[in-house]
Amino acid sequence: VVPIGMYFSEKVAPLTAIGFTIAVGPFLFIPVGLLI
């Protein structure tokens, strides 16, 4: 919810959303992947 919502929020710059995804994405992938 949070990482996807950042891309649709007008208060978050696109570069900030991309940087957050790059930094946090690999850590989120593990629990999300296991749940899927």
ModelCIF file with pLDDT and N, C-alpha, C, O atoms, coordinates in Angstrom:
data_MODEL
#
_entry.id   MODEL 
#
_entity.id                         1 
_entity.type                       polymer 
_entity.pdbx_number_of_molecules   1 
#
_entity_poly.entity_id                      1 
_entity_poly.type                           'polypeptide(L)' 
_entity_poly.nstd_linkage                   no 
_entity_poly.nstd_monomer                   no 
_entity_poly.pdbx_seq_one_letter_code       VVPIGMYFSEKVAPLTAIGFTIAVGPFLFIPVGLLI 
_entity_poly.pdbx_seq_one_letter_code_can   VVPIGMYFSEKVAPLTAIGFTIAVGPFLFIPVGLLI 
_entity_poly.pdbx_strand_id                 A 
#
loop_
_entity_poly_seq.entity_id 
_entity_poly_seq.num 
_entity_poly_seq.mon_id 
_entity_poly_seq.hetero 
1 1  VAL n 
1 2  VAL n 
1 3  PRO n 
1 4  ILE n 
1 5  GLY n 
1 6  MET n 
1 7  TYR n 
1 8  PHE n 
1 9  SER n 
1 10 GLU n 
1 11 LYS n 
1 12 VAL n 
1 13 ALA n 
1 14 PRO n 
1 15 LEU n 
1 16 THR n 
1 17 ALA n 
1 18 ILE n 
1 19 GLY n 
1 20 PHE n 
1 21 THR n 
1 22 ILE n 
1 23 ALA n 
1 24 VAL n 
1 25 GLY n 
1 26 PRO n 
1 27 PHE n 
1 28 LEU n 
1 29 PHE n 
1 30 ILE n 
1 31 PRO n 
1 32 VAL n 
1 33 GLY n 
1 34 LEU n 
1 35 LEU n 
1 36 ILE n 
#
_struct_asym.id          A 
_struct_asym.entity_id   1 
#
loop_
_ma_qa_metric.id 
_ma_qa_metric.mode 
_ma_qa_metric.name 
_ma_qa_metric.software_group_id 
_ma_qa_metric.type 
1 global pLDDT . pLDDT 
2 local  pLDDT . pLDDT 
#
_ma_qa_metric_global.metric_id      1 
_ma_qa_metric_global.metric_value   77.75 
_ma_qa_metric_global.model_id       1 
_ma_qa_metric_global.ordinal_id     1 
#
loop_
_ma_qa_metric_local.label_asym_id 
_ma_qa_metric_local.label_comp_id 
_ma_qa_metric_local.label_seq_id 
_ma_qa_metric_local.metric_id 
_ma_qa_metric_local.metric_value 
_ma_qa_metric_local.model_id 
_ma_qa_metric_local.ordinal_id 
A VAL 1  2 85.00 1 1  
A VAL 2  2 81.00 1 2  
A PRO 3  2 81.00 1 3  
A ILE 4  2 83.00 1 4  
A GLY 5  2 84.00 1 5  
A MET 6  2 83.00 1 6  
A TYR 7  2 80.00 1 7  
A PHE 8  2 83.00 1 8  
A SER 9  2 82.00 1 9  
A GLU 10 2 81.00 1 10 
A LYS 11 2 82.00 1 11 
A VAL 12 2 81.00 1 12 
A ALA 13 2 80.00 1 13 
A PRO 14 2 75.00 1 14 
A LEU 15 2 74.00 1 15 
A THR 16 2 78.00 1 16 
A ALA 17 2 77.00 1 17 
A ILE 18 2 73.00 1 18 
A GLY 19 2 74.00 1 19 
A PHE 20 2 77.00 1 20 
A THR 21 2 75.00 1 21 
A ILE 22 2 69.00 1 22 
A ALA 23 2 72.00 1 23 
A VAL 24 2 76.00 1 24 
A GLY 25 2 71.00 1 25 
A PRO 26 2 67.00 1 26 
A PHE 27 2 74.00 1 27 
A LEU 28 2 77.00 1 28 
A PHE 29 2 73.00 1 29 
A ILE 30 2 74.00 1 30 
A PRO 31 2 81.00 1 31 
A VAL 32 2 81.00 1 32 
A GLY 33 2 76.00 1 33 
A LEU 34 2 78.00 1 34 
A LEU 35 2 81.00 1 35 
A ILE 36 2 80.00 1 36 
#
loop_
_atom_site.group_PDB 
_atom_site.id 
_atom_site.type_symbol 
_atom_site.label_atom_id 
_atom_site.label_alt_id 
_atom_site.label_comp_id 
_atom_site.label_asym_id 
_atom_site.label_entity_id 
_atom_site.label_seq_id 
_atom_site.pdbx_PDB_ins_code 
_atom_site.Cartn_x 
_atom_site.Cartn_y 
_atom_site.Cartn_z 
_atom_site.occupancy 
_atom_site.B_iso_or_equiv 
_atom_site.pdbx_formal_charge 
_atom_site.auth_seq_id 
_atom_site.auth_comp_id 
_atom_site.auth_asym_id 
_atom_site.auth_atom_id 
_atom_site.pdbx_PDB_model_num 
ATOM 1   N N  . VAL A 1 1  ? 0.828  -1.212  0.000  1.00 85.00 ? 1  VAL A N  1 
ATOM 2   C CA . VAL A 1 1  ? 0.000  0.000   0.000  1.00 85.00 ? 1  VAL A CA 1 
ATOM 3   C C  . VAL A 1 1  ? 0.857  1.255   0.000  1.00 85.00 ? 1  VAL A C  1 
ATOM 4   O O  . VAL A 1 1  ? 0.649  2.157   -0.812 1.00 85.00 ? 1  VAL A O  1 
ATOM 5   N N  . VAL A 1 2  ? 1.824  1.310   0.916  1.00 81.00 ? 2  VAL A N  1 
ATOM 6   C CA . VAL A 1 2  ? 2.631  2.525   1.043  1.00 81.00 ? 2  VAL A CA 1 
ATOM 7   C C  . VAL A 1 2  ? 3.488  2.785   -0.200 1.00 81.00 ? 2  VAL A C  1 
ATOM 8   O O  . VAL A 1 2  ? 3.422  3.888   -0.742 1.00 81.00 ? 2  VAL A O  1 
ATOM 9   N N  . PRO A 1 3  ? 4.297  1.814   -0.684 1.00 81.00 ? 3  PRO A N  1 
ATOM 10  C CA . PRO A 1 3  ? 5.127  2.120   -1.859 1.00 81.00 ? 3  PRO A CA 1 
ATOM 11  C C  . PRO A 1 3  ? 4.306  2.428   -3.105 1.00 81.00 ? 3  PRO A C  1 
ATOM 12  O O  . PRO A 1 3  ? 4.686  3.296   -3.891 1.00 81.00 ? 3  PRO A O  1 
ATOM 13  N N  . ILE A 1 4  ? 3.184  1.730   -3.301 1.00 83.00 ? 4  ILE A N  1 
ATOM 14  C CA . ILE A 1 4  ? 2.356  2.027   -4.481 1.00 83.00 ? 4  ILE A CA 1 
ATOM 15  C C  . ILE A 1 4  ? 1.674  3.381   -4.326 1.00 83.00 ? 4  ILE A C  1 
ATOM 16  O O  . ILE A 1 4  ? 1.565  4.137   -5.291 1.00 83.00 ? 4  ILE A O  1 
ATOM 17  N N  . GLY A 1 5  ? 1.213  3.692   -3.107 1.00 84.00 ? 5  GLY A N  1 
ATOM 18  C CA . GLY A 1 5  ? 0.544  4.973   -2.880 1.00 84.00 ? 5  GLY A CA 1 
ATOM 19  C C  . GLY A 1 5  ? 1.442  6.167   -3.112 1.00 84.00 ? 5  GLY A C  1 
ATOM 20  O O  . GLY A 1 5  ? 0.963  7.239   -3.480 1.00 84.00 ? 5  GLY A O  1 
ATOM 21  N N  . MET A 1 6  ? 2.746  6.000   -2.902 1.00 83.00 ? 6  MET A N  1 
ATOM 22  C CA . MET A 1 6  ? 3.668  7.118   -3.105 1.00 83.00 ? 6  MET A CA 1 
ATOM 23  C C  . MET A 1 6  ? 3.666  7.597   -4.546 1.00 83.00 ? 6  MET A C  1 
ATOM 24  O O  . MET A 1 6  ? 3.871  8.783   -4.803 1.00 83.00 ? 6  MET A O  1 
ATOM 25  N N  . TYR A 1 7  ? 3.435  6.681   -5.499 1.00 80.00 ? 7  TYR A N  1 
ATOM 26  C CA . TYR A 1 7  ? 3.451  7.062   -6.908 1.00 80.00 ? 7  TYR A CA 1 
ATOM 27  C C  . TYR A 1 7  ? 2.194  7.846   -7.296 1.00 80.00 ? 7  TYR A C  1 
ATOM 28  O O  . TYR A 1 7  ? 2.197  8.557   -8.302 1.00 80.00 ? 7  TYR A O  1 
ATOM 29  N N  . PHE A 1 8  ? 1.126  7.723   -6.513 1.00 83.00 ? 8  PHE A N  1 
ATOM 30  C CA . PHE A 1 8  ? -0.118 8.419   -6.824 1.00 83.00 ? 8  PHE A CA 1 
ATOM 31  C C  . PHE A 1 8  ? -0.335 9.650   -5.948 1.00 83.00 ? 8  PHE A C  1 
ATOM 32  O O  . PHE A 1 8  ? -1.296 10.394  -6.146 1.00 83.00 ? 8  PHE A O  1 
ATOM 33  N N  . SER A 1 9  ? 0.548  9.862   -4.989 1.00 82.00 ? 9  SER A N  1 
ATOM 34  C CA . SER A 1 9  ? 0.413  11.016  -4.099 1.00 82.00 ? 9  SER A CA 1 
ATOM 35  C C  . SER A 1 9  ? 1.051  12.248  -4.718 1.00 82.00 ? 9  SER A C  1 
ATOM 36  O O  . SER A 1 9  ? 2.170  12.188  -5.228 1.00 82.00 ? 9  SER A O  1 
ATOM 37  N N  . GLU A 1 10 ? 0.338  13.363  -4.673 1.00 81.00 ? 10 GLU A N  1 
ATOM 38  C CA . GLU A 1 10 ? 0.864  14.614  -5.220 1.00 81.00 ? 10 GLU A CA 1 
ATOM 39  C C  . GLU A 1 10 ? 1.917  15.222  -4.309 1.00 81.00 ? 10 GLU A C  1 
ATOM 40  O O  . GLU A 1 10 ? 2.671  16.098  -4.733 1.00 81.00 ? 10 GLU A O  1 
ATOM 41  N N  . LYS A 1 11 ? 1.979  14.768  -3.058 1.00 82.00 ? 11 LYS A N  1 
ATOM 42  C CA . LYS A 1 11 ? 2.924  15.327  -2.102 1.00 82.00 ? 11 LYS A CA 1 
ATOM 43  C C  . LYS A 1 11 ? 4.295  14.662  -2.163 1.00 82.00 ? 11 LYS A C  1 
ATOM 44  O O  . LYS A 1 11 ? 5.247  15.130  -1.539 1.00 82.00 ? 11 LYS A O  1 
ATOM 45  N N  . VAL A 1 12 ? 4.389  13.583  -2.908 1.00 81.00 ? 12 VAL A N  1 
ATOM 46  C CA . VAL A 1 12 ? 5.656  12.850  -3.015 1.00 81.00 ? 12 VAL A CA 1 
ATOM 47  C C  . VAL A 1 12 ? 6.229  13.020  -4.413 1.00 81.00 ? 12 VAL A C  1 
ATOM 48  O O  . VAL A 1 12 ? 5.568  12.709  -5.404 1.00 81.00 ? 12 VAL A O  1 
ATOM 49  N N  . ALA A 1 13 ? 7.455  13.512  -4.489 1.00 80.00 ? 13 ALA A N  1 
ATOM 50  C CA . ALA A 1 13 ? 8.105  13.695  -5.783 1.00 80.00 ? 13 ALA A CA 1 
ATOM 51  C C  . ALA A 1 13 ? 8.399  12.335  -6.418 1.00 80.00 ? 13 ALA A C  1 
ATOM 52  O O  . ALA A 1 13 ? 8.670  11.367  -5.708 1.00 80.00 ? 13 ALA A O  1 
ATOM 53  N N  . PRO A 1 14 ? 8.348  12.257  -7.761 1.00 75.00 ? 14 PRO A N  1 
ATOM 54  C CA . PRO A 1 14 ? 8.625  10.968  -8.433 1.00 75.00 ? 14 PRO A CA 1 
ATOM 55  C C  . PRO A 1 14 ? 9.990  10.393  -8.079 1.00 75.00 ? 14 PRO A C  1 
ATOM 56  O O  . PRO A 1 14 ? 10.119 9.183   -7.891 1.00 75.00 ? 14 PRO A O  1 
ATOM 57  N N  . LEU A 1 15 ? 11.028 11.256  -7.985 1.00 74.00 ? 15 LEU A N  1 
ATOM 58  C CA . LEU A 1 15 ? 12.354 10.751  -7.653 1.00 74.00 ? 15 LEU A CA 1 
ATOM 59  C C  . LEU A 1 15 ? 12.386 10.168  -6.241 1.00 74.00 ? 15 LEU A C  1 
ATOM 60  O O  . LEU A 1 15 ? 13.099 9.199   -5.979 1.00 74.00 ? 15 LEU A O  1 
ATOM 61  N N  . THR A 1 16 ? 11.600 10.772  -5.320 1.00 78.00 ? 16 THR A N  1 
ATOM 62  C CA . THR A 1 16 ? 11.540 10.240  -3.957 1.00 78.00 ? 16 THR A CA 1 
ATOM 63  C C  . THR A 1 16 ? 10.909 8.854   -3.950 1.00 78.00 ? 16 THR A C  1 
ATOM 64  O O  . THR A 1 16 ? 11.377 7.945   -3.264 1.00 78.00 ? 16 THR A O  1 
ATOM 65  N N  . ALA A 1 17 ? 9.815  8.705   -4.741 1.00 77.00 ? 17 ALA A N  1 
ATOM 66  C CA . ALA A 1 17 ? 9.153  7.403   -4.811 1.00 77.00 ? 17 ALA A CA 1 
ATOM 67  C C  . ALA A 1 17 ? 10.075 6.352   -5.411 1.00 77.00 ? 17 ALA A C  1 
ATOM 68  O O  . ALA A 1 17 ? 10.129 5.217   -4.937 1.00 77.00 ? 17 ALA A O  1 
ATOM 69  N N  . ILE A 1 18 ? 10.804 6.740   -6.461 1.00 73.00 ? 18 ILE A N  1 
ATOM 70  C CA . ILE A 1 18 ? 11.719 5.797   -7.097 1.00 73.00 ? 18 ILE A CA 1 
ATOM 71  C C  . ILE A 1 18 ? 12.845 5.421   -6.140 1.00 73.00 ? 18 ILE A C  1 
ATOM 72  O O  . ILE A 1 18 ? 13.195 4.247   -6.026 1.00 73.00 ? 18 ILE A O  1 
ATOM 73  N N  . GLY A 1 19 ? 13.416 6.416   -5.448 1.00 74.00 ? 19 GLY A N  1 
ATOM 74  C CA . GLY A 1 19 ? 14.470 6.139   -4.491 1.00 74.00 ? 19 GLY A CA 1 
ATOM 75  C C  . GLY A 1 19 ? 14.007 5.245   -3.358 1.00 74.00 ? 19 GLY A C  1 
ATOM 76  O O  . GLY A 1 19 ? 14.747 4.367   -2.914 1.00 74.00 ? 19 GLY A O  1 
ATOM 77  N N  . PHE A 1 20 ? 12.774 5.463   -2.882 1.00 77.00 ? 20 PHE A N  1 
ATOM 78  C CA . PHE A 1 20 ? 12.224 4.619   -1.825 1.00 77.00 ? 20 PHE A CA 1 
ATOM 79  C C  . PHE A 1 20 ? 12.064 3.178   -2.311 1.00 77.00 ? 20 PHE A C  1 
ATOM 80  O O  . PHE A 1 20 ? 12.359 2.227   -1.586 1.00 77.00 ? 20 PHE A O  1 
ATOM 81  N N  . THR A 1 21 ? 11.594 3.037   -3.544 1.00 75.00 ? 21 THR A N  1 
ATOM 82  C CA . THR A 1 21 ? 11.409 1.700   -4.111 1.00 75.00 ? 21 THR A CA 1 
ATOM 83  C C  . THR A 1 21 ? 12.735 0.970   -4.235 1.00 75.00 ? 21 THR A C  1 
ATOM 84  O O  . THR A 1 21 ? 12.830 -0.217  -3.924 1.00 75.00 ? 21 THR A O  1 
ATOM 85  N N  . ILE A 1 22 ? 13.776 1.694   -4.699 1.00 69.00 ? 22 ILE A N  1 
ATOM 86  C CA . ILE A 1 22 ? 15.087 1.070   -4.860 1.00 69.00 ? 22 ILE A CA 1 
ATOM 87  C C  . ILE A 1 22 ? 15.664 0.651   -3.509 1.00 69.00 ? 22 ILE A C  1 
ATOM 88  O O  . ILE A 1 22 ? 16.258 -0.420  -3.384 1.00 69.00 ? 22 ILE A O  1 
ATOM 89  N N  . ALA A 1 23 ? 15.481 1.514   -2.492 1.00 72.00 ? 23 ALA A N  1 
ATOM 90  C CA . ALA A 1 23 ? 16.079 1.239   -1.183 1.00 72.00 ? 23 ALA A CA 1 
ATOM 91  C C  . ALA A 1 23 ? 15.324 0.176   -0.406 1.00 72.00 ? 23 ALA A C  1 
ATOM 92  O O  . ALA A 1 23 ? 15.938 -0.663  0.254  1.00 72.00 ? 23 ALA A O  1 
ATOM 93  N N  . VAL A 1 24 ? 13.982 0.202   -0.477 1.00 76.00 ? 24 VAL A N  1 
ATOM 94  C CA . VAL A 1 24 ? 13.165 -0.672  0.360  1.00 76.00 ? 24 VAL A CA 1 
ATOM 95  C C  . VAL A 1 24 ? 12.628 -1.872  -0.412 1.00 76.00 ? 24 VAL A C  1 
ATOM 96  O O  . VAL A 1 24 ? 12.282 -2.892  0.185  1.00 76.00 ? 24 VAL A O  1 
ATOM 97  N N  . GLY A 1 25 ? 12.556 -1.752  -1.753 1.00 71.00 ? 25 GLY A N  1 
ATOM 98  C CA . GLY A 1 25 ? 11.959 -2.804  -2.564 1.00 71.00 ? 25 GLY A CA 1 
ATOM 99  C C  . GLY A 1 25 ? 12.477 -4.197  -2.315 1.00 71.00 ? 25 GLY A C  1 
ATOM 100 O O  . GLY A 1 25 ? 11.680 -5.116  -2.128 1.00 71.00 ? 25 GLY A O  1 
ATOM 101 N N  . PRO A 1 26 ? 13.824 -4.398  -2.305 1.00 67.00 ? 26 PRO A N  1 
ATOM 102 C CA . PRO A 1 26 ? 14.341 -5.752  -2.067 1.00 67.00 ? 26 PRO A CA 1 
ATOM 103 C C  . PRO A 1 26 ? 13.909 -6.343  -0.729 1.00 67.00 ? 26 PRO A C  1 
ATOM 104 O O  . PRO A 1 26 ? 13.723 -7.554  -0.615 1.00 67.00 ? 26 PRO A O  1 
ATOM 105 N N  . PHE A 1 27 ? 13.748 -5.483  0.295  1.00 74.00 ? 27 PHE A N  1 
ATOM 106 C CA . PHE A 1 27 ? 13.340 -5.994  1.606  1.00 74.00 ? 27 PHE A CA 1 
ATOM 107 C C  . PHE A 1 27 ? 11.849 -6.340  1.617  1.00 74.00 ? 27 PHE A C  1 
ATOM 108 O O  . PHE A 1 27 ? 11.435 -7.294  2.277  1.00 74.00 ? 27 PHE A O  1 
ATOM 109 N N  . LEU A 1 28 ? 11.033 -5.554  0.876  1.00 77.00 ? 28 LEU A N  1 
ATOM 110 C CA . LEU A 1 28 ? 9.610  -5.858  0.806  1.00 77.00 ? 28 LEU A CA 1 
ATOM 111 C C  . LEU A 1 28 ? 9.336  -7.084  -0.049 1.00 77.00 ? 28 LEU A C  1 
ATOM 112 O O  . LEU A 1 28 ? 8.343  -7.783  0.152  1.00 77.00 ? 28 LEU A O  1 
ATOM 113 N N  . PHE A 1 29 ? 10.217 -7.339  -0.996 1.00 73.00 ? 29 PHE A N  1 
ATOM 114 C CA . PHE A 1 29 ? 9.971  -8.450  -1.918 1.00 73.00 ? 29 PHE A CA 1 
ATOM 115 C C  . PHE A 1 29 ? 9.923  -9.783  -1.200 1.00 73.00 ? 29 PHE A C  1 
ATOM 116 O O  . PHE A 1 29 ? 9.139  -10.660 -1.564 1.00 73.00 ? 29 PHE A O  1 
ATOM 117 N N  . ILE A 1 30 ? 10.757 -9.941  -0.181 1.00 74.00 ? 30 ILE A N  1 
ATOM 118 C CA . ILE A 1 30 ? 10.828 -11.235 0.496  1.00 74.00 ? 30 ILE A CA 1 
ATOM 119 C C  . ILE A 1 30 ? 9.502  -11.604 1.148  1.00 74.00 ? 30 ILE A C  1 
ATOM 120 O O  . ILE A 1 30 ? 8.977  -12.679 0.856  1.00 74.00 ? 30 ILE A O  1 
ATOM 121 N N  . PRO A 1 31 ? 8.919  -10.750 2.037  1.00 81.00 ? 31 PRO A N  1 
ATOM 122 C CA . PRO A 1 31 ? 7.624  -11.147 2.623  1.00 81.00 ? 31 PRO A CA 1 
ATOM 123 C C  . PRO A 1 31 ? 6.506  -11.192 1.603  1.00 81.00 ? 31 PRO A C  1 
ATOM 124 O O  . PRO A 1 31 ? 5.657  -12.081 1.664  1.00 81.00 ? 31 PRO A O  1 
ATOM 125 N N  . VAL A 1 32 ? 6.482  -10.238 0.649  1.00 81.00 ? 32 VAL A N  1 
ATOM 126 C CA . VAL A 1 32 ? 5.429  -10.238 -0.362 1.00 81.00 ? 32 VAL A CA 1 
ATOM 127 C C  . VAL A 1 32 ? 5.541  -11.490 -1.229 1.00 81.00 ? 32 VAL A C  1 
ATOM 128 O O  . VAL A 1 32 ? 4.533  -12.131 -1.526 1.00 81.00 ? 32 VAL A O  1 
ATOM 129 N N  . GLY A 1 33 ? 6.760  -11.839 -1.635 1.00 76.00 ? 33 GLY A N  1 
ATOM 130 C CA . GLY A 1 33 ? 6.949  -13.028 -2.455 1.00 76.00 ? 33 GLY A CA 1 
ATOM 131 C C  . GLY A 1 33 ? 6.536  -14.292 -1.739 1.00 76.00 ? 33 GLY A C  1 
ATOM 132 O O  . GLY A 1 33 ? 5.909  -15.170 -2.333 1.00 76.00 ? 33 GLY A O  1 
ATOM 133 N N  . LEU A 1 34 ? 6.884  -14.394 -0.458 1.00 78.00 ? 34 LEU A N  1 
ATOM 134 C CA . LEU A 1 34 ? 6.497  -15.580 0.313  1.00 78.00 ? 34 LEU A CA 1 
ATOM 135 C C  . LEU A 1 34 ? 4.980  -15.677 0.458  1.00 78.00 ? 34 LEU A C  1 
ATOM 136 O O  . LEU A 1 34 ? 4.417  -16.769 0.392  1.00 78.00 ? 34 LEU A O  1 
ATOM 137 N N  . LEU A 1 35 ? 4.319  -14.538 0.654  1.00 81.00 ? 35 LEU A N  1 
ATOM 138 C CA . LEU A 1 35 ? 2.863  -14.550 0.782  1.00 81.00 ? 35 LEU A CA 1 
ATOM 139 C C  . LEU A 1 35 ? 2.189  -14.940 -0.532 1.00 81.00 ? 35 LEU A C  1 
ATOM 140 O O  . LEU A 1 35 ? 1.222  -15.702 -0.535 1.00 81.00 ? 35 LEU A O  1 
ATOM 141 N N  . ILE A 1 36 ? 2.700  -14.416 -1.650 1.00 80.00 ? 36 ILE A N  1 
ATOM 142 C CA . ILE A 1 36 ? 2.144  -14.775 -2.953 1.00 80.00 ? 36 ILE A CA 1 
ATOM 143 C C  . ILE A 1 36 ? 2.352  -16.251 -3.217 1.00 80.00 ? 36 ILE A C  1 
ATOM 144 O O  . ILE A 1 36 ? 1.952  -16.752 -4.268 1.00 80.00 ? 36 ILE A O  1 
#
